[in-house]
């Protein structure tokens, strides 16, 4: 299995790293472009999307991640703030972002921190509901033609897939359920 990276500029990268390591993955924290060398996948965690975008630009990671993805070397999984960072369009705020995935997002669409909640989601490809944690979650407002919607909450898109990219509005690393991390490793990183 290839190494997988977790963008470790800000946010809850530690939880993703621990879950991936429990599954046997070789995990590297990514802070600089050279940390992408030899990676098959990159998880971009939740946190503060503006901070992640600014730091990634400052350190040259945005260009390096884009180049690795476009070369076919890297799969990308963005959760919460990570989904905002990889989106092509952010509807309600101007901030640095990758713009790779053909989705439009709205930040904090499910409310502020005090509005955080958990819900059982039906996720396409999983045989039982997934307990999803929403914290200041974005909504995927538009999904382009090549984007597969894998989960909705109350009719709103919260998990989308395009080629070797996943965007999720929720935090799968904050539960004990490792099915999505397992699938990412097996299906997107191993390829």
N, C-alpha and C. Protein backbone atom coordinates (compact mmCIF):
# COMPACT_ATOMS: atom_id res chain seq x y z
N UNK A 1 0.84 -1.18 0.00
CA UNK A 1 0.00 0.00 0.00
C UNK A 1 0.89 1.25 0.00
N UNK A 2 0.48 2.24 -0.79
CA UNK A 2 1.21 3.50 -0.82
C UNK A 2 1.04 4.24 0.50
N UNK A 3 1.93 5.19 0.72
CA UNK A 3 1.77 6.07 1.87
C UNK A 3 0.57 6.98 1.63
N UNK A 4 -0.05 7.39 2.72
CA UNK A 4 -1.12 8.38 2.65
C UNK A 4 -0.72 9.54 3.54
N UNK A 5 -1.06 10.74 3.11
CA UNK A 5 -0.72 11.92 3.88
C UNK A 5 -1.96 12.54 4.49
N UNK A 6 -1.75 13.27 5.57
CA UNK A 6 -2.82 14.07 6.18
C UNK A 6 -2.30 15.50 6.24
N UNK A 7 -3.00 16.41 5.60
CA UNK A 7 -2.60 17.81 5.63
C UNK A 7 -2.62 18.28 7.09
N UNK A 8 -1.47 18.70 7.58
CA UNK A 8 -1.32 18.98 9.02
C UNK A 8 -0.98 20.44 9.27
N UNK A 9 -1.67 21.33 8.57
CA UNK A 9 -1.44 22.77 8.76
C UNK A 9 -2.26 23.31 9.91
N UNK A 10 -3.46 22.76 10.09
CA UNK A 10 -4.41 23.27 11.07
C UNK A 10 -5.58 22.30 11.08
N UNK A 11 -6.31 22.25 12.18
CA UNK A 11 -7.51 21.43 12.22
C UNK A 11 -7.28 20.08 12.87
N UNK A 12 -8.23 19.16 12.64
CA UNK A 12 -8.23 17.87 13.35
C UNK A 12 -7.52 16.77 12.57
N UNK A 13 -6.31 17.06 12.12
CA UNK A 13 -5.55 16.09 11.34
C UNK A 13 -5.15 14.87 12.17
N UNK A 14 -4.94 15.06 13.47
CA UNK A 14 -4.49 13.96 14.33
C UNK A 14 -5.49 12.80 14.34
N UNK A 15 -6.77 13.09 14.39
CA UNK A 15 -7.80 12.06 14.44
C UNK A 15 -7.81 11.22 13.16
N UNK A 16 -7.67 11.88 12.00
CA UNK A 16 -7.57 11.14 10.74
C UNK A 16 -6.32 10.25 10.75
N UNK A 17 -5.22 10.81 11.18
CA UNK A 17 -3.96 10.06 11.19
C UNK A 17 -4.08 8.80 12.05
N UNK A 18 -4.65 8.94 13.24
CA UNK A 18 -4.79 7.78 14.14
C UNK A 18 -5.68 6.70 13.54
N UNK A 19 -6.77 7.11 12.91
CA UNK A 19 -7.67 6.13 12.32
C UNK A 19 -7.00 5.40 11.15
N UNK A 20 -6.29 6.12 10.31
CA UNK A 20 -5.59 5.51 9.18
C UNK A 20 -4.50 4.56 9.66
N UNK A 21 -3.78 4.95 10.70
CA UNK A 21 -2.73 4.08 11.25
C UNK A 21 -3.32 2.81 11.85
N UNK A 22 -4.48 2.93 12.50
CA UNK A 22 -5.15 1.73 13.05
C UNK A 22 -5.50 0.74 11.94
N UNK A 23 -5.72 1.26 10.74
CA UNK A 23 -6.04 0.40 9.60
C UNK A 23 -4.79 -0.14 8.90
N UNK A 24 -3.62 0.21 9.43
CA UNK A 24 -2.37 -0.32 8.88
C UNK A 24 -1.71 0.55 7.84
N UNK A 25 -2.23 1.74 7.60
CA UNK A 25 -1.65 2.63 6.60
C UNK A 25 -0.36 3.27 7.13
N UNK A 26 0.53 3.55 6.21
CA UNK A 26 1.72 4.34 6.53
C UNK A 26 1.35 5.79 6.28
N UNK A 27 1.31 6.57 7.36
CA UNK A 27 0.76 7.93 7.30
C UNK A 27 1.85 8.96 7.54
N UNK A 28 1.82 10.01 6.74
CA UNK A 28 2.77 11.11 6.88
C UNK A 28 1.99 12.41 7.06
N UNK A 29 2.42 13.22 8.01
CA UNK A 29 1.86 14.57 8.15
C UNK A 29 2.46 15.45 7.06
N UNK A 30 1.60 16.18 6.36
CA UNK A 30 2.03 17.00 5.22
C UNK A 30 1.93 18.47 5.61
N UNK A 31 3.08 19.15 5.57
CA UNK A 31 3.13 20.59 5.85
C UNK A 31 3.84 21.37 4.74
N UNK A 32 4.67 20.68 3.96
CA UNK A 32 5.46 21.29 2.90
C UNK A 32 5.34 20.48 1.62
N UNK A 33 5.58 21.08 0.46
CA UNK A 33 5.46 20.36 -0.81
C UNK A 33 6.27 19.06 -0.85
N UNK A 34 7.46 19.03 -0.28
CA UNK A 34 8.28 17.81 -0.34
C UNK A 34 7.67 16.66 0.45
N UNK A 35 6.75 16.95 1.35
CA UNK A 35 6.08 15.88 2.12
C UNK A 35 5.11 15.08 1.26
N UNK A 36 4.79 15.59 0.06
CA UNK A 36 3.88 14.87 -0.85
C UNK A 36 4.58 13.74 -1.60
N UNK A 37 5.89 13.74 -1.60
CA UNK A 37 6.67 12.75 -2.35
C UNK A 37 6.28 11.32 -1.97
N UNK A 38 5.88 10.53 -2.96
CA UNK A 38 5.57 9.13 -2.75
C UNK A 38 4.20 8.85 -2.16
N UNK A 39 3.37 9.86 -1.98
CA UNK A 39 2.03 9.64 -1.42
C UNK A 39 1.05 9.20 -2.50
N UNK A 40 0.14 8.31 -2.11
CA UNK A 40 -0.93 7.91 -3.01
C UNK A 40 -2.23 8.62 -2.71
N UNK A 41 -2.34 9.19 -1.50
CA UNK A 41 -3.55 9.88 -1.11
C UNK A 41 -3.25 10.97 -0.11
N UNK A 42 -4.16 11.95 -0.06
CA UNK A 42 -4.02 13.06 0.88
C UNK A 42 -5.39 13.33 1.49
N UNK A 43 -5.45 13.31 2.83
CA UNK A 43 -6.68 13.66 3.55
C UNK A 43 -6.52 15.11 4.01
N UNK A 44 -7.50 15.93 3.67
CA UNK A 44 -7.52 17.33 4.10
C UNK A 44 -8.61 17.44 5.17
N UNK A 45 -8.22 17.67 6.42
CA UNK A 45 -9.16 17.57 7.53
C UNK A 45 -10.05 18.79 7.69
N UNK A 46 -10.97 18.65 8.63
CA UNK A 46 -11.76 19.79 9.05
C UNK A 46 -10.89 20.75 9.86
N UNK A 47 -11.40 21.93 10.04
CA UNK A 47 -10.67 22.97 10.75
C UNK A 47 -11.23 24.31 10.30
N UNK A 48 -10.35 25.24 10.02
CA UNK A 48 -10.75 26.57 9.57
C UNK A 48 -10.30 26.72 8.12
N UNK A 49 -11.24 26.70 7.20
CA UNK A 49 -10.90 26.64 5.77
C UNK A 49 -10.09 27.84 5.29
N UNK A 50 -10.34 29.02 5.83
CA UNK A 50 -9.56 30.19 5.42
C UNK A 50 -8.11 30.04 5.82
N UNK A 51 -7.87 29.58 7.03
CA UNK A 51 -6.50 29.37 7.53
C UNK A 51 -5.79 28.31 6.72
N UNK A 52 -6.47 27.19 6.46
CA UNK A 52 -5.87 26.12 5.66
C UNK A 52 -5.49 26.65 4.28
N UNK A 53 -6.39 27.39 3.65
CA UNK A 53 -6.13 27.93 2.32
C UNK A 53 -4.96 28.90 2.30
N UNK A 54 -4.91 29.79 3.28
CA UNK A 54 -3.82 30.78 3.33
C UNK A 54 -2.48 30.12 3.58
N UNK A 55 -2.44 29.18 4.53
CA UNK A 55 -1.16 28.50 4.83
C UNK A 55 -0.71 27.63 3.67
N UNK A 56 -1.65 26.93 3.03
CA UNK A 56 -1.28 26.10 1.88
C UNK A 56 -0.70 26.94 0.75
N UNK A 57 -1.26 28.11 0.54
CA UNK A 57 -0.72 29.03 -0.48
C UNK A 57 0.66 29.52 -0.08
N UNK A 58 0.80 29.94 1.17
CA UNK A 58 2.07 30.48 1.67
C UNK A 58 3.20 29.45 1.56
N UNK A 59 2.89 28.18 1.85
CA UNK A 59 3.92 27.13 1.82
C UNK A 59 4.08 26.47 0.45
N UNK A 60 3.29 26.89 -0.53
CA UNK A 60 3.39 26.32 -1.87
C UNK A 60 2.71 24.97 -2.00
N UNK A 61 1.92 24.60 -1.01
CA UNK A 61 1.26 23.29 -1.06
C UNK A 61 0.12 23.24 -2.06
N UNK A 62 -0.58 24.34 -2.25
CA UNK A 62 -1.70 24.33 -3.19
C UNK A 62 -1.23 23.93 -4.59
N UNK A 63 -0.17 24.55 -5.08
CA UNK A 63 0.34 24.22 -6.41
C UNK A 63 0.88 22.79 -6.46
N UNK A 64 1.56 22.37 -5.41
CA UNK A 64 2.13 21.01 -5.37
C UNK A 64 1.04 19.95 -5.33
N UNK A 65 -0.02 20.17 -4.55
CA UNK A 65 -1.13 19.21 -4.49
C UNK A 65 -1.84 19.16 -5.84
N UNK A 66 -2.10 20.31 -6.42
CA UNK A 66 -2.76 20.37 -7.73
C UNK A 66 -1.94 19.60 -8.77
N UNK A 67 -0.64 19.83 -8.78
CA UNK A 67 0.23 19.16 -9.75
C UNK A 67 0.23 17.64 -9.55
N UNK A 68 0.32 17.19 -8.29
CA UNK A 68 0.33 15.74 -8.01
C UNK A 68 -0.99 15.10 -8.40
N UNK A 69 -2.10 15.79 -8.15
CA UNK A 69 -3.41 15.26 -8.53
C UNK A 69 -3.53 15.17 -10.05
N UNK A 70 -3.19 16.25 -10.72
CA UNK A 70 -3.32 16.29 -12.18
C UNK A 70 -2.40 15.31 -12.88
N UNK A 71 -1.29 14.95 -12.24
CA UNK A 71 -0.36 13.95 -12.79
C UNK A 71 -0.88 12.53 -12.56
N UNK A 72 -1.95 12.39 -11.79
CA UNK A 72 -2.52 11.07 -11.51
C UNK A 72 -1.88 10.35 -10.35
N UNK A 73 -1.03 11.05 -9.59
CA UNK A 73 -0.29 10.43 -8.50
C UNK A 73 -1.02 10.47 -7.16
N UNK A 74 -2.06 11.28 -7.04
CA UNK A 74 -2.62 11.57 -5.73
C UNK A 74 -4.15 11.55 -5.75
N UNK A 75 -4.75 10.86 -4.79
CA UNK A 75 -6.18 10.96 -4.52
C UNK A 75 -6.34 11.93 -3.36
N UNK A 76 -7.47 12.66 -3.32
CA UNK A 76 -7.68 13.67 -2.29
C UNK A 76 -9.04 13.47 -1.64
N UNK A 77 -9.04 13.54 -0.30
CA UNK A 77 -10.27 13.43 0.47
C UNK A 77 -10.37 14.65 1.38
N UNK A 78 -11.35 15.50 1.12
CA UNK A 78 -11.56 16.68 1.94
C UNK A 78 -12.76 16.52 2.84
N UNK A 79 -12.56 16.68 4.15
CA UNK A 79 -13.67 16.61 5.09
C UNK A 79 -13.91 18.00 5.68
N UNK A 80 -15.15 18.44 5.66
CA UNK A 80 -15.58 19.73 6.21
C UNK A 80 -14.76 20.87 5.59
N UNK A 81 -13.83 21.48 6.33
CA UNK A 81 -13.01 22.55 5.75
C UNK A 81 -12.22 22.05 4.55
N UNK A 82 -11.83 20.78 4.59
CA UNK A 82 -11.11 20.19 3.45
C UNK A 82 -11.95 20.14 2.19
N UNK A 83 -13.26 19.91 2.36
CA UNK A 83 -14.17 19.91 1.21
C UNK A 83 -14.27 21.31 0.61
N UNK A 84 -14.24 22.32 1.46
CA UNK A 84 -14.26 23.71 0.98
C UNK A 84 -12.98 23.99 0.20
N UNK A 85 -11.84 23.54 0.72
CA UNK A 85 -10.55 23.83 0.09
C UNK A 85 -10.43 23.21 -1.30
N UNK A 86 -11.00 22.01 -1.52
CA UNK A 86 -10.86 21.37 -2.83
C UNK A 86 -11.93 21.79 -3.82
N UNK A 87 -12.99 22.47 -3.36
CA UNK A 87 -14.11 22.85 -4.22
C UNK A 87 -13.69 23.84 -5.31
N UNK A 88 -14.33 23.72 -6.45
CA UNK A 88 -14.10 24.67 -7.54
C UNK A 88 -14.63 26.05 -7.19
N UNK A 89 -15.76 26.08 -6.46
CA UNK A 89 -16.40 27.37 -6.19
C UNK A 89 -16.88 27.44 -4.73
N UNK A 90 -16.57 28.56 -4.09
CA UNK A 90 -17.08 28.84 -2.74
C UNK A 90 -18.05 30.00 -2.89
N UNK A 91 -19.32 29.77 -2.59
CA UNK A 91 -20.36 30.74 -2.93
C UNK A 91 -20.40 31.97 -2.04
N UNK A 92 -20.01 31.84 -0.78
CA UNK A 92 -20.28 32.92 0.15
C UNK A 92 -19.05 33.63 0.70
N UNK A 93 -17.88 33.32 0.16
CA UNK A 93 -16.68 33.93 0.74
C UNK A 93 -15.52 33.78 -0.25
N UNK A 94 -14.67 34.77 -0.33
CA UNK A 94 -13.48 34.71 -1.17
C UNK A 94 -12.30 34.28 -0.31
N UNK A 95 -11.69 33.15 -0.64
CA UNK A 95 -10.54 32.66 0.11
C UNK A 95 -9.71 31.76 -0.79
N UNK A 96 -8.44 31.56 -0.47
CA UNK A 96 -7.61 30.66 -1.28
C UNK A 96 -8.14 29.23 -1.21
N UNK A 97 -8.21 28.58 -2.37
CA UNK A 97 -8.65 27.19 -2.42
C UNK A 97 -8.10 26.52 -3.68
N UNK A 98 -8.13 25.18 -3.70
CA UNK A 98 -7.58 24.42 -4.82
C UNK A 98 -8.41 24.57 -6.09
N UNK A 99 -9.72 24.49 -5.96
CA UNK A 99 -10.59 24.60 -7.13
C UNK A 99 -10.56 23.39 -8.03
N UNK A 100 -10.22 22.21 -7.52
CA UNK A 100 -10.10 21.02 -8.36
C UNK A 100 -11.42 20.28 -8.58
N UNK A 101 -12.25 20.18 -7.57
CA UNK A 101 -13.46 19.36 -7.67
C UNK A 101 -14.62 20.20 -8.18
N UNK A 102 -15.38 19.65 -9.11
CA UNK A 102 -16.47 20.38 -9.76
C UNK A 102 -17.70 20.43 -8.86
N UNK A 103 -17.52 21.14 -7.73
CA UNK A 103 -18.63 21.37 -6.80
C UNK A 103 -18.60 22.83 -6.37
N UNK A 104 -19.76 23.31 -5.95
CA UNK A 104 -19.87 24.63 -5.32
C UNK A 104 -20.33 24.39 -3.89
N UNK A 105 -19.68 25.06 -2.95
CA UNK A 105 -20.01 24.87 -1.54
C UNK A 105 -20.42 26.20 -0.90
N UNK A 106 -21.19 26.06 0.18
CA UNK A 106 -21.53 27.20 1.02
C UNK A 106 -21.02 26.87 2.42
N UNK A 107 -20.17 27.72 2.95
CA UNK A 107 -19.58 27.49 4.27
C UNK A 107 -20.63 27.60 5.38
N UNK A 108 -20.42 26.87 6.46
CA UNK A 108 -21.28 26.94 7.66
C UNK A 108 -22.77 26.84 7.34
N UNK A 109 -23.12 26.07 6.31
CA UNK A 109 -24.51 26.00 5.85
C UNK A 109 -25.44 25.33 6.86
N UNK A 110 -24.88 24.52 7.77
CA UNK A 110 -25.70 23.85 8.76
C UNK A 110 -25.66 24.56 10.11
N UNK A 111 -25.14 25.78 10.13
CA UNK A 111 -25.15 26.56 11.36
C UNK A 111 -23.79 26.74 11.99
N UNK A 112 -23.79 27.45 13.10
CA UNK A 112 -22.55 27.75 13.82
C UNK A 112 -22.15 26.58 14.70
N UNK A 113 -21.08 26.76 15.46
CA UNK A 113 -20.56 25.72 16.36
C UNK A 113 -21.64 25.18 17.30
N UNK A 114 -22.46 26.06 17.85
CA UNK A 114 -23.50 25.63 18.79
C UNK A 114 -24.59 24.80 18.12
N UNK A 115 -24.65 24.83 16.79
CA UNK A 115 -25.64 24.07 16.04
C UNK A 115 -25.13 22.70 15.61
N UNK A 116 -23.97 22.28 16.11
CA UNK A 116 -23.38 20.99 15.74
C UNK A 116 -24.35 19.86 16.09
N UNK A 117 -24.29 18.77 15.30
CA UNK A 117 -25.20 17.65 15.54
C UNK A 117 -24.61 16.37 14.95
N UNK A 118 -25.20 15.25 15.34
CA UNK A 118 -24.87 13.94 14.79
C UNK A 118 -26.13 13.34 14.20
N UNK A 119 -25.96 12.56 13.12
CA UNK A 119 -27.11 11.94 12.47
C UNK A 119 -26.64 10.66 11.77
N UNK A 120 -27.54 9.69 11.66
CA UNK A 120 -27.24 8.48 10.90
C UNK A 120 -27.53 8.76 9.43
N UNK A 121 -26.52 8.61 8.59
CA UNK A 121 -26.64 8.89 7.16
C UNK A 121 -26.66 7.60 6.36
N UNK A 122 -27.49 7.57 5.35
CA UNK A 122 -27.44 6.50 4.36
C UNK A 122 -26.39 6.93 3.34
N UNK A 123 -25.31 6.16 3.24
CA UNK A 123 -24.22 6.48 2.31
C UNK A 123 -24.18 5.41 1.23
N UNK A 124 -24.27 5.85 -0.02
CA UNK A 124 -24.19 4.92 -1.14
C UNK A 124 -22.89 4.11 -1.02
N UNK A 125 -23.02 2.78 -1.11
CA UNK A 125 -21.85 1.92 -1.04
C UNK A 125 -21.62 1.31 0.34
N UNK A 126 -22.29 1.82 1.37
CA UNK A 126 -22.18 1.25 2.71
C UNK A 126 -23.46 0.46 3.01
N UNK A 127 -23.31 -0.68 3.68
CA UNK A 127 -24.47 -1.55 3.91
C UNK A 127 -25.27 -1.19 5.15
N UNK A 128 -24.81 -0.23 5.93
CA UNK A 128 -25.54 0.23 7.12
C UNK A 128 -25.30 1.72 7.28
N UNK A 129 -26.20 2.43 7.96
CA UNK A 129 -26.02 3.87 8.14
C UNK A 129 -24.69 4.22 8.79
N UNK A 130 -24.21 5.41 8.46
CA UNK A 130 -22.94 5.93 9.01
C UNK A 130 -23.29 7.07 9.95
N UNK A 131 -22.79 7.02 11.18
CA UNK A 131 -23.03 8.09 12.15
C UNK A 131 -22.13 9.27 11.78
N UNK A 132 -22.73 10.35 11.34
CA UNK A 132 -21.98 11.51 10.83
C UNK A 132 -22.04 12.65 11.84
N UNK A 133 -20.90 13.29 12.05
CA UNK A 133 -20.79 14.42 12.96
C UNK A 133 -20.65 15.70 12.13
N UNK A 134 -21.56 16.64 12.33
CA UNK A 134 -21.56 17.91 11.60
C UNK A 134 -21.18 19.03 12.55
N UNK A 135 -20.09 19.74 12.24
CA UNK A 135 -19.62 20.86 13.05
C UNK A 135 -19.33 22.04 12.10
N UNK A 136 -20.13 23.07 12.18
CA UNK A 136 -19.98 24.23 11.27
C UNK A 136 -19.82 23.74 9.83
N UNK A 137 -20.65 22.81 9.45
CA UNK A 137 -20.48 22.08 8.19
C UNK A 137 -20.89 22.88 6.96
N UNK A 138 -20.13 22.68 5.87
CA UNK A 138 -20.53 23.27 4.59
C UNK A 138 -21.60 22.41 3.93
N UNK A 139 -22.24 22.96 2.95
CA UNK A 139 -23.17 22.21 2.10
C UNK A 139 -22.63 22.23 0.69
N UNK A 140 -22.74 21.11 0.01
CA UNK A 140 -22.39 21.03 -1.41
C UNK A 140 -23.65 21.45 -2.16
N UNK A 141 -23.65 22.67 -2.66
CA UNK A 141 -24.84 23.27 -3.25
C UNK A 141 -25.01 22.84 -4.71
N UNK A 142 -23.90 22.64 -5.39
CA UNK A 142 -23.94 22.22 -6.80
C UNK A 142 -22.90 21.14 -7.00
N UNK A 143 -23.31 20.10 -7.71
CA UNK A 143 -22.38 19.03 -8.10
C UNK A 143 -22.39 18.95 -9.62
N UNK A 144 -21.21 19.07 -10.21
CA UNK A 144 -21.09 19.06 -11.67
C UNK A 144 -21.45 17.71 -12.27
N UNK A 145 -21.43 17.67 -13.59
CA UNK A 145 -21.87 16.49 -14.34
C UNK A 145 -21.11 15.21 -13.99
N UNK A 146 -19.81 15.30 -13.75
CA UNK A 146 -19.01 14.13 -13.45
C UNK A 146 -18.93 13.79 -11.97
N UNK A 147 -19.77 14.41 -11.16
CA UNK A 147 -19.72 14.23 -9.70
C UNK A 147 -20.84 13.29 -9.27
N UNK A 148 -20.48 12.28 -8.50
CA UNK A 148 -21.43 11.30 -7.96
C UNK A 148 -21.79 11.70 -6.53
N UNK A 149 -23.07 11.87 -6.27
CA UNK A 149 -23.54 12.19 -4.92
C UNK A 149 -23.72 10.87 -4.17
N UNK A 150 -23.03 10.74 -3.02
CA UNK A 150 -23.10 9.50 -2.24
C UNK A 150 -23.90 9.62 -0.96
N UNK A 151 -24.17 10.84 -0.50
CA UNK A 151 -25.01 10.99 0.70
C UNK A 151 -25.64 12.38 0.72
N UNK A 152 -26.85 12.40 1.28
CA UNK A 152 -27.59 13.65 1.50
C UNK A 152 -28.13 13.65 2.92
N UNK A 153 -28.27 14.84 3.46
CA UNK A 153 -28.96 15.01 4.75
C UNK A 153 -30.08 16.00 4.52
N UNK A 154 -31.31 15.56 4.75
CA UNK A 154 -32.50 16.39 4.53
C UNK A 154 -32.48 17.00 3.13
N UNK A 155 -32.10 16.20 2.15
CA UNK A 155 -32.09 16.61 0.75
C UNK A 155 -30.86 17.38 0.32
N UNK A 156 -29.98 17.73 1.26
CA UNK A 156 -28.79 18.52 0.94
C UNK A 156 -27.59 17.60 0.78
N UNK A 157 -26.78 17.84 -0.24
CA UNK A 157 -25.63 16.99 -0.53
C UNK A 157 -24.55 17.20 0.52
N UNK A 158 -24.09 16.07 1.12
CA UNK A 158 -23.06 16.13 2.16
C UNK A 158 -21.87 15.22 1.87
N UNK A 159 -21.92 14.43 0.78
CA UNK A 159 -20.81 13.59 0.37
C UNK A 159 -20.87 13.43 -1.14
N UNK A 160 -19.79 13.86 -1.80
CA UNK A 160 -19.71 13.76 -3.25
C UNK A 160 -18.35 13.19 -3.65
N UNK A 161 -18.34 12.53 -4.79
CA UNK A 161 -17.12 11.89 -5.31
C UNK A 161 -16.94 12.27 -6.77
N UNK A 162 -15.72 12.58 -7.15
CA UNK A 162 -15.39 12.86 -8.55
C UNK A 162 -14.00 12.31 -8.82
N UNK A 163 -13.91 11.38 -9.75
CA UNK A 163 -12.64 10.75 -10.08
C UNK A 163 -11.97 10.25 -8.81
N UNK A 164 -10.83 10.81 -8.45
CA UNK A 164 -10.06 10.39 -7.26
C UNK A 164 -10.19 11.42 -6.13
N UNK A 165 -11.36 12.05 -6.04
CA UNK A 165 -11.59 13.05 -4.98
C UNK A 165 -12.89 12.77 -4.26
N UNK A 166 -12.84 12.95 -2.95
CA UNK A 166 -14.03 12.90 -2.10
C UNK A 166 -14.17 14.25 -1.40
N UNK A 167 -15.41 14.72 -1.29
CA UNK A 167 -15.72 15.91 -0.48
C UNK A 167 -16.85 15.53 0.46
N UNK A 168 -16.62 15.75 1.76
CA UNK A 168 -17.61 15.44 2.78
C UNK A 168 -17.84 16.64 3.66
N UNK A 169 -19.10 16.90 4.00
CA UNK A 169 -19.44 18.02 4.87
C UNK A 169 -19.25 17.64 6.34
N UNK A 170 -19.15 16.35 6.62
CA UNK A 170 -19.11 15.88 8.01
C UNK A 170 -17.72 15.36 8.38
N UNK A 171 -17.59 14.94 9.64
CA UNK A 171 -16.31 14.51 10.21
C UNK A 171 -16.33 13.00 10.49
N UNK A 172 -15.91 12.16 9.55
CA UNK A 172 -15.93 10.71 9.79
C UNK A 172 -14.86 10.25 10.78
N UNK A 173 -13.86 11.07 11.01
CA UNK A 173 -12.76 10.71 11.91
C UNK A 173 -13.15 10.84 13.38
N UNK A 174 -14.30 11.44 13.67
CA UNK A 174 -14.70 11.67 15.06
C UNK A 174 -15.60 10.56 15.60
N UNK A 175 -15.76 9.50 14.83
CA UNK A 175 -16.55 8.35 15.28
C UNK A 175 -15.61 7.14 15.32
N UNK A 176 -16.08 6.05 15.83
CA UNK A 176 -15.28 4.82 15.83
C UNK A 176 -15.45 4.03 14.55
N UNK A 177 -16.27 4.52 13.63
CA UNK A 177 -16.59 3.82 12.39
C UNK A 177 -15.51 4.12 11.35
N UNK A 178 -14.75 3.08 10.97
CA UNK A 178 -13.64 3.30 10.04
C UNK A 178 -13.96 2.90 8.61
N UNK A 179 -15.23 2.66 8.29
CA UNK A 179 -15.56 2.15 6.95
C UNK A 179 -15.15 3.10 5.83
N UNK A 180 -15.32 4.40 6.00
CA UNK A 180 -14.96 5.33 4.93
C UNK A 180 -13.44 5.44 4.80
N UNK A 181 -12.73 5.46 5.91
CA UNK A 181 -11.26 5.47 5.84
C UNK A 181 -10.75 4.20 5.16
N UNK A 182 -11.37 3.08 5.49
CA UNK A 182 -10.99 1.80 4.89
C UNK A 182 -11.22 1.83 3.37
N UNK A 183 -12.37 2.36 2.96
CA UNK A 183 -12.67 2.44 1.52
C UNK A 183 -11.71 3.38 0.81
N UNK A 184 -11.41 4.51 1.42
CA UNK A 184 -10.46 5.46 0.81
C UNK A 184 -9.12 4.78 0.56
N UNK A 185 -8.63 4.06 1.56
CA UNK A 185 -7.34 3.37 1.41
C UNK A 185 -7.41 2.28 0.34
N UNK A 186 -8.46 1.49 0.36
CA UNK A 186 -8.55 0.35 -0.55
C UNK A 186 -8.84 0.75 -1.98
N UNK A 187 -9.72 1.72 -2.16
CA UNK A 187 -10.21 2.02 -3.51
C UNK A 187 -9.49 3.20 -4.16
N UNK A 188 -9.14 4.23 -3.39
CA UNK A 188 -8.55 5.41 -4.01
C UNK A 188 -7.04 5.48 -3.85
N UNK A 189 -6.53 5.11 -2.69
CA UNK A 189 -5.08 5.21 -2.46
C UNK A 189 -4.34 4.05 -3.12
N UNK A 190 -4.91 2.86 -3.06
CA UNK A 190 -4.24 1.67 -3.59
C UNK A 190 -4.17 1.68 -5.11
N UNK A 191 -5.04 2.46 -5.76
CA UNK A 191 -5.09 2.45 -7.22
C UNK A 191 -3.93 3.20 -7.85
